[in-house]
Amino acid sequence: ATPSDRGDEREPNNAKRLANLLAPGLSARGYIHPLKDVDWYRFRLPGGLGSTRKVRISVQGIPAVRLLLTLFDDQGNRLATARRPTTEGSRVITTTVHCAKSYYVLVQDEHGRRLNPTDNYELLLALLRK
């Protein structure tokens, strides 16, 4: 298996080394199926190591699954977690990242006990103005 191109989830992506590419402004759709499914995505912003960008990572929830959205750096350090839904039902992480470094996004059921094979979530990486 090889990592996916930009766009919708491609299985397998249940390990960091199999993460699908997530591009700014291009949504990715995926499913939480089978039980205990986890979905990894990766992104890297253009620019030098000294430059930073503010980003917003959001995932729209799906029926019967309480999504957990987590951001990691390339060393495996957890940088941020969005557990609680917004009023629209999405989970959101807003943070500043360093350009030219790799980051990983994990989407999963909060407790690994639920699945939904028919409804997809939508994940979006947006670049914000400083």
C-alpha atoms as a PDB file:
ATOM      1  CA  ALA A   1       0.000   0.000   0.000  1.00  0.00           C
ATOM      2  CA  THR A   2       1.086   3.555  -0.652  1.00  0.00           C
ATOM      3  CA  PRO A   3      -0.121   6.854   0.805  1.00  0.00           C
ATOM      4  CA  SER A   4      -3.035   8.504  -0.952  1.00  0.00           C
ATOM      5  CA  ASP A   5      -2.888  11.512  -3.224  1.00  0.00           C
ATOM      6  CA  ARG A   6      -4.904  14.572  -2.236  1.00  0.00           C
ATOM      7  CA  GLY A   7      -8.596  14.115  -1.570  1.00  0.00           C
ATOM      8  CA  ASP A   8     -10.721  11.402  -0.069  1.00  0.00           C
ATOM      9  CA  GLU A   9      -9.491   8.789   2.350  1.00  0.00           C
ATOM     10  CA  ARG A  10      -7.867   5.703   0.925  1.00  0.00           C
ATOM     11  CA  GLU A  11      -7.423   2.594   3.017  1.00  0.00           C
ATOM     12  CA  PRO A  12      -5.266   1.534   4.610  1.00  0.00           C
ATOM     13  CA  ASN A  13      -4.474   4.702   6.531  1.00  0.00           C
ATOM     14  CA  ASN A  14      -4.653   3.268  10.026  1.00  0.00           C
ATOM     15  CA  ALA A  15      -0.996   3.984  10.829  1.00  0.00           C
ATOM     16  CA  LYS A  16       1.068   7.158  10.703  1.00  0.00           C
ATOM     17  CA  ARG A  17       3.361   5.696   8.041  1.00  0.00           C
ATOM     18  CA  LEU A  18       0.284   5.135   5.803  1.00  0.00           C
ATOM     19  CA  ALA A  19      -1.151   8.634   6.289  1.00  0.00           C
ATOM     20  CA  ASN A  20      -3.135  10.161   3.420  1.00  0.00           C
ATOM     21  CA  LEU A  21      -2.032  13.547   2.122  1.00  0.00           C
ATOM     22  CA  LEU A  22      -4.112  16.500   3.359  1.00  0.00           C
ATOM     23  CA  ALA A  23      -3.843  19.655   1.258  1.00  0.00           C
ATOM     24  CA  PRO A  24      -4.944  23.137   2.367  1.00  0.00           C
ATOM     25  CA  GLY A  25      -8.378  24.026   1.010  1.00  0.00           C
ATOM     26  CA  LEU A  26      -9.127  20.539  -0.337  1.00  0.00           C
ATOM     27  CA  SER A  27     -11.505  18.548   1.859  1.00  0.00           C
ATOM     28  CA  ALA A  28     -11.008  14.865   2.503  1.00  0.00           C
ATOM     29  CA  ARG A  29     -13.909  12.532   3.178  1.00  0.00           C
ATOM     30  CA  GLY A  30     -13.534   9.361   5.189  1.00  0.00           C
ATOM     31  CA  TYR A  31     -15.409   6.721   7.166  1.00  0.00           C
ATOM     32  CA  ILE A  32     -15.111   5.344  10.675  1.00  0.00           C
ATOM     33  CA  HIS A  33     -15.396   1.673   9.774  1.00  0.00           C
ATOM     34  CA  PRO A  34     -14.625  -1.066  10.865  1.00  0.00           C
ATOM     35  CA  LEU A  35     -14.867  -0.931  14.647  1.00  0.00           C
ATOM     36  CA  LYS A  36     -11.859   0.855  16.242  1.00  0.00           C
ATOM     37  CA  ASP A  37     -10.930   2.400  12.881  1.00  0.00           C
ATOM     38  CA  VAL A  38      -8.415   5.251  13.000  1.00  0.00           C
ATOM     39  CA  ASP A  39      -7.568   7.484  10.044  1.00  0.00           C
ATOM     40  CA  TRP A  40      -4.229   9.292   9.653  1.00  0.00           C
ATOM     41  CA  TYR A  41      -3.544  12.283   7.415  1.00  0.00           C
ATOM     42  CA  ARG A  42      -0.353  14.279   6.887  1.00  0.00           C
ATOM     43  CA  PHE A  43       0.456  17.765   5.669  1.00  0.00           C
ATOM     44  CA  ARG A  44       3.439  20.011   5.137  1.00  0.00           C
ATOM     45  CA  LEU A  45       3.197  23.700   4.315  1.00  0.00           C
ATOM     46  CA  PRO A  46       5.610  25.353   1.875  1.00  0.00           C
ATOM     47  CA  GLY A  47       8.106  27.840   3.232  1.00  0.00           C
ATOM     48  CA  GLY A  48      11.315  27.971   5.212  1.00  0.00           C
ATOM     49  CA  LEU A  49      11.788  26.501   8.667  1.00  0.00           C
ATOM     50  CA  GLY A  50      11.742  29.984  10.188  1.00  0.00           C
ATOM     51  CA  SER A  51       8.295  30.825   8.830  1.00  0.00           C
ATOM     52  CA  THR A  52       4.963  29.933  10.425  1.00  0.00           C
ATOM     53  CA  ARG A  53       1.313  29.811   9.355  1.00  0.00           C
ATOM     54  CA  LYS A  54      -1.889  29.768  11.325  1.00  0.00           C
ATOM     55  CA  VAL A  55      -4.126  26.838  10.366  1.00  0.00           C
ATOM     56  CA  ARG A  56      -7.598  25.621  11.155  1.00  0.00           C
ATOM     57  CA  ILE A  57      -8.221  21.881  11.033  1.00  0.00           C
ATOM     58  CA  SER A  58     -11.853  20.860  11.238  1.00  0.00           C
ATOM     59  CA  VAL A  59     -13.818  17.664  10.951  1.00  0.00           C
ATOM     60  CA  GLN A  60     -17.584  17.525  10.581  1.00  0.00           C
ATOM     61  CA  GLY A  61     -19.132  14.891  12.839  1.00  0.00           C
ATOM     62  CA  ILE A  62     -21.201  11.915  11.724  1.00  0.00           C
ATOM     63  CA  PRO A  63     -24.233  10.217  13.299  1.00  0.00           C
ATOM     64  CA  ALA A  64     -23.575   7.704  16.112  1.00  0.00           C
ATOM     65  CA  VAL A  65     -19.822   8.475  16.250  1.00  0.00           C
ATOM     66  CA  ARG A  66     -18.223  10.927  18.657  1.00  0.00           C
ATOM     67  CA  LEU A  67     -15.166  11.990  16.689  1.00  0.00           C
ATOM     68  CA  LEU A  68     -11.840  12.896  18.220  1.00  0.00           C
ATOM     69  CA  LEU A  69      -9.459  15.108  16.208  1.00  0.00           C
ATOM     70  CA  THR A  70      -5.781  15.192  17.202  1.00  0.00           C
ATOM     71  CA  LEU A  71      -2.763  17.003  15.734  1.00  0.00           C
ATOM     72  CA  PHE A  72       0.778  15.589  16.062  1.00  0.00           C
ATOM     73  CA  ASP A  73       4.175  16.872  14.963  1.00  0.00           C
ATOM     74  CA  ASP A  74       6.689  14.769  13.019  1.00  0.00           C
ATOM     75  CA  GLN A  75       8.260  13.568  16.284  1.00  0.00           C
ATOM     76  CA  GLY A  76       4.966  12.078  17.486  1.00  0.00           C
ATOM     77  CA  ASN A  77       4.237  14.792  20.059  1.00  0.00           C
ATOM     78  CA  ARG A  78       0.548  15.562  20.528  1.00  0.00           C
ATOM     79  CA  LEU A  79       0.101  19.281  19.855  1.00  0.00           C
ATOM     80  CA  ALA A  80      -3.678  19.707  20.141  1.00  0.00           C
ATOM     81  CA  THR A  81      -6.894  17.737  20.576  1.00  0.00           C
ATOM     82  CA  ALA A  82     -10.474  18.708  19.766  1.00  0.00           C
ATOM     83  CA  ARG A  83     -12.974  16.534  21.600  1.00  0.00           C
ATOM     84  CA  ARG A  84     -15.950  18.794  22.134  1.00  0.00           C
ATOM     85  CA  PRO A  85     -18.115  19.653  19.170  1.00  0.00           C
ATOM     86  CA  THR A  86     -18.877  23.202  18.125  1.00  0.00           C
ATOM     87  CA  THR A  87     -22.480  24.327  17.735  1.00  0.00           C
ATOM     88  CA  GLU A  88     -22.403  22.949  14.169  1.00  0.00           C
ATOM     89  CA  GLY A  89     -21.237  19.532  15.388  1.00  0.00           C
ATOM     90  CA  SER A  90     -17.687  19.834  14.078  1.00  0.00           C
ATOM     91  CA  ARG A  91     -14.410  19.504  15.959  1.00  0.00           C
ATOM     92  CA  VAL A  92     -11.868  22.262  15.373  1.00  0.00           C
ATOM     93  CA  ILE A  93      -8.173  22.832  16.065  1.00  0.00           C
ATOM     94  CA  THR A  94      -6.760  26.311  15.413  1.00  0.00           C
ATOM     95  CA  THR A  95      -3.014  26.664  15.902  1.00  0.00           C
ATOM     96  CA  THR A  96       0.210  27.971  14.395  1.00  0.00           C
ATOM     97  CA  VAL A  97       2.557  25.515  12.675  1.00  0.00           C
ATOM     98  CA  HIS A  98       6.073  25.800  11.279  1.00  0.00           C
ATOM     99  CA  CYS A  99       6.394  25.649   7.517  1.00  0.00           C
ATOM    100  CA  ALA A 100       8.556  22.908   5.974  1.00  0.00           C
ATOM    101  CA  LYS A 101       7.785  20.524   8.872  1.00  0.00           C
ATOM    102  CA  SER A 102       5.463  17.557   8.628  1.00  0.00           C
ATOM    103  CA  TYR A 103       2.330  17.303  10.736  1.00  0.00           C
ATOM    104  CA  TYR A 104      -0.107  14.457  11.251  1.00  0.00           C
ATOM    105  CA  VAL A 105      -3.852  14.526  11.908  1.00  0.00           C
ATOM    106  CA  LEU A 106      -5.670  11.607  13.525  1.00  0.00           C
ATOM    107  CA  VAL A 107      -9.450  11.126  13.204  1.00  0.00           C
ATOM    108  CA  GLN A 108     -11.103   8.416  15.301  1.00  0.00           C
ATOM    109  CA  ASP A 109     -14.063   7.572  17.493  1.00  0.00           C
ATOM    110  CA  GLU A 110     -13.425   9.073  20.927  1.00  0.00           C
ATOM    111  CA  HIS A 111     -13.613   5.711  22.694  1.00  0.00           C
ATOM    112  CA  GLY A 112     -13.096   3.299  19.776  1.00  0.00           C
ATOM    113  CA  ARG A 113     -16.482   1.676  20.371  1.00  0.00           C
ATOM    114  CA  ARG A 114     -18.613   3.101  17.558  1.00  0.00           C
ATOM    115  CA  LEU A 115     -18.610   2.942  13.788  1.00  0.00           C
ATOM    116  CA  ASN A 116     -20.647   4.255  10.890  1.00  0.00           C
ATOM    117  CA  PRO A 117     -20.061   2.548   7.518  1.00  0.00           C
ATOM    118  CA  THR A 118     -22.641   4.634   5.606  1.00  0.00           C
ATOM    119  CA  ASP A 119     -22.023   8.295   6.561  1.00  0.00           C
ATOM    120  CA  ASN A 120     -18.708  10.009   5.901  1.00  0.00           C
ATOM    121  CA  TYR A 121     -16.936  12.731   7.842  1.00  0.00           C
ATOM    122  CA  GLU A 122     -15.361  15.709   6.104  1.00  0.00           C
ATOM    123  CA  LEU A 123     -11.888  16.885   7.132  1.00  0.00           C
ATOM    124  CA  LEU A 124     -10.565  20.290   6.082  1.00  0.00           C
ATOM    125  CA  LEU A 125      -7.224  22.063   6.521  1.00  0.00           C
ATOM    126  CA  ALA A 126      -7.564  25.815   6.039  1.00  0.00           C
ATOM    127  CA  LEU A 127      -4.820  28.456   6.033  1.00  0.00           C
ATOM    128  CA  LEU A 128      -5.741  31.508   8.108  1.00  0.00           C
ATOM    129  CA  ARG A 129      -4.463  35.039   7.915  1.00  0.00           C
ATOM    130  CA  LYS A 130      -1.975  35.939  10.610  1.00  0.00           C
END
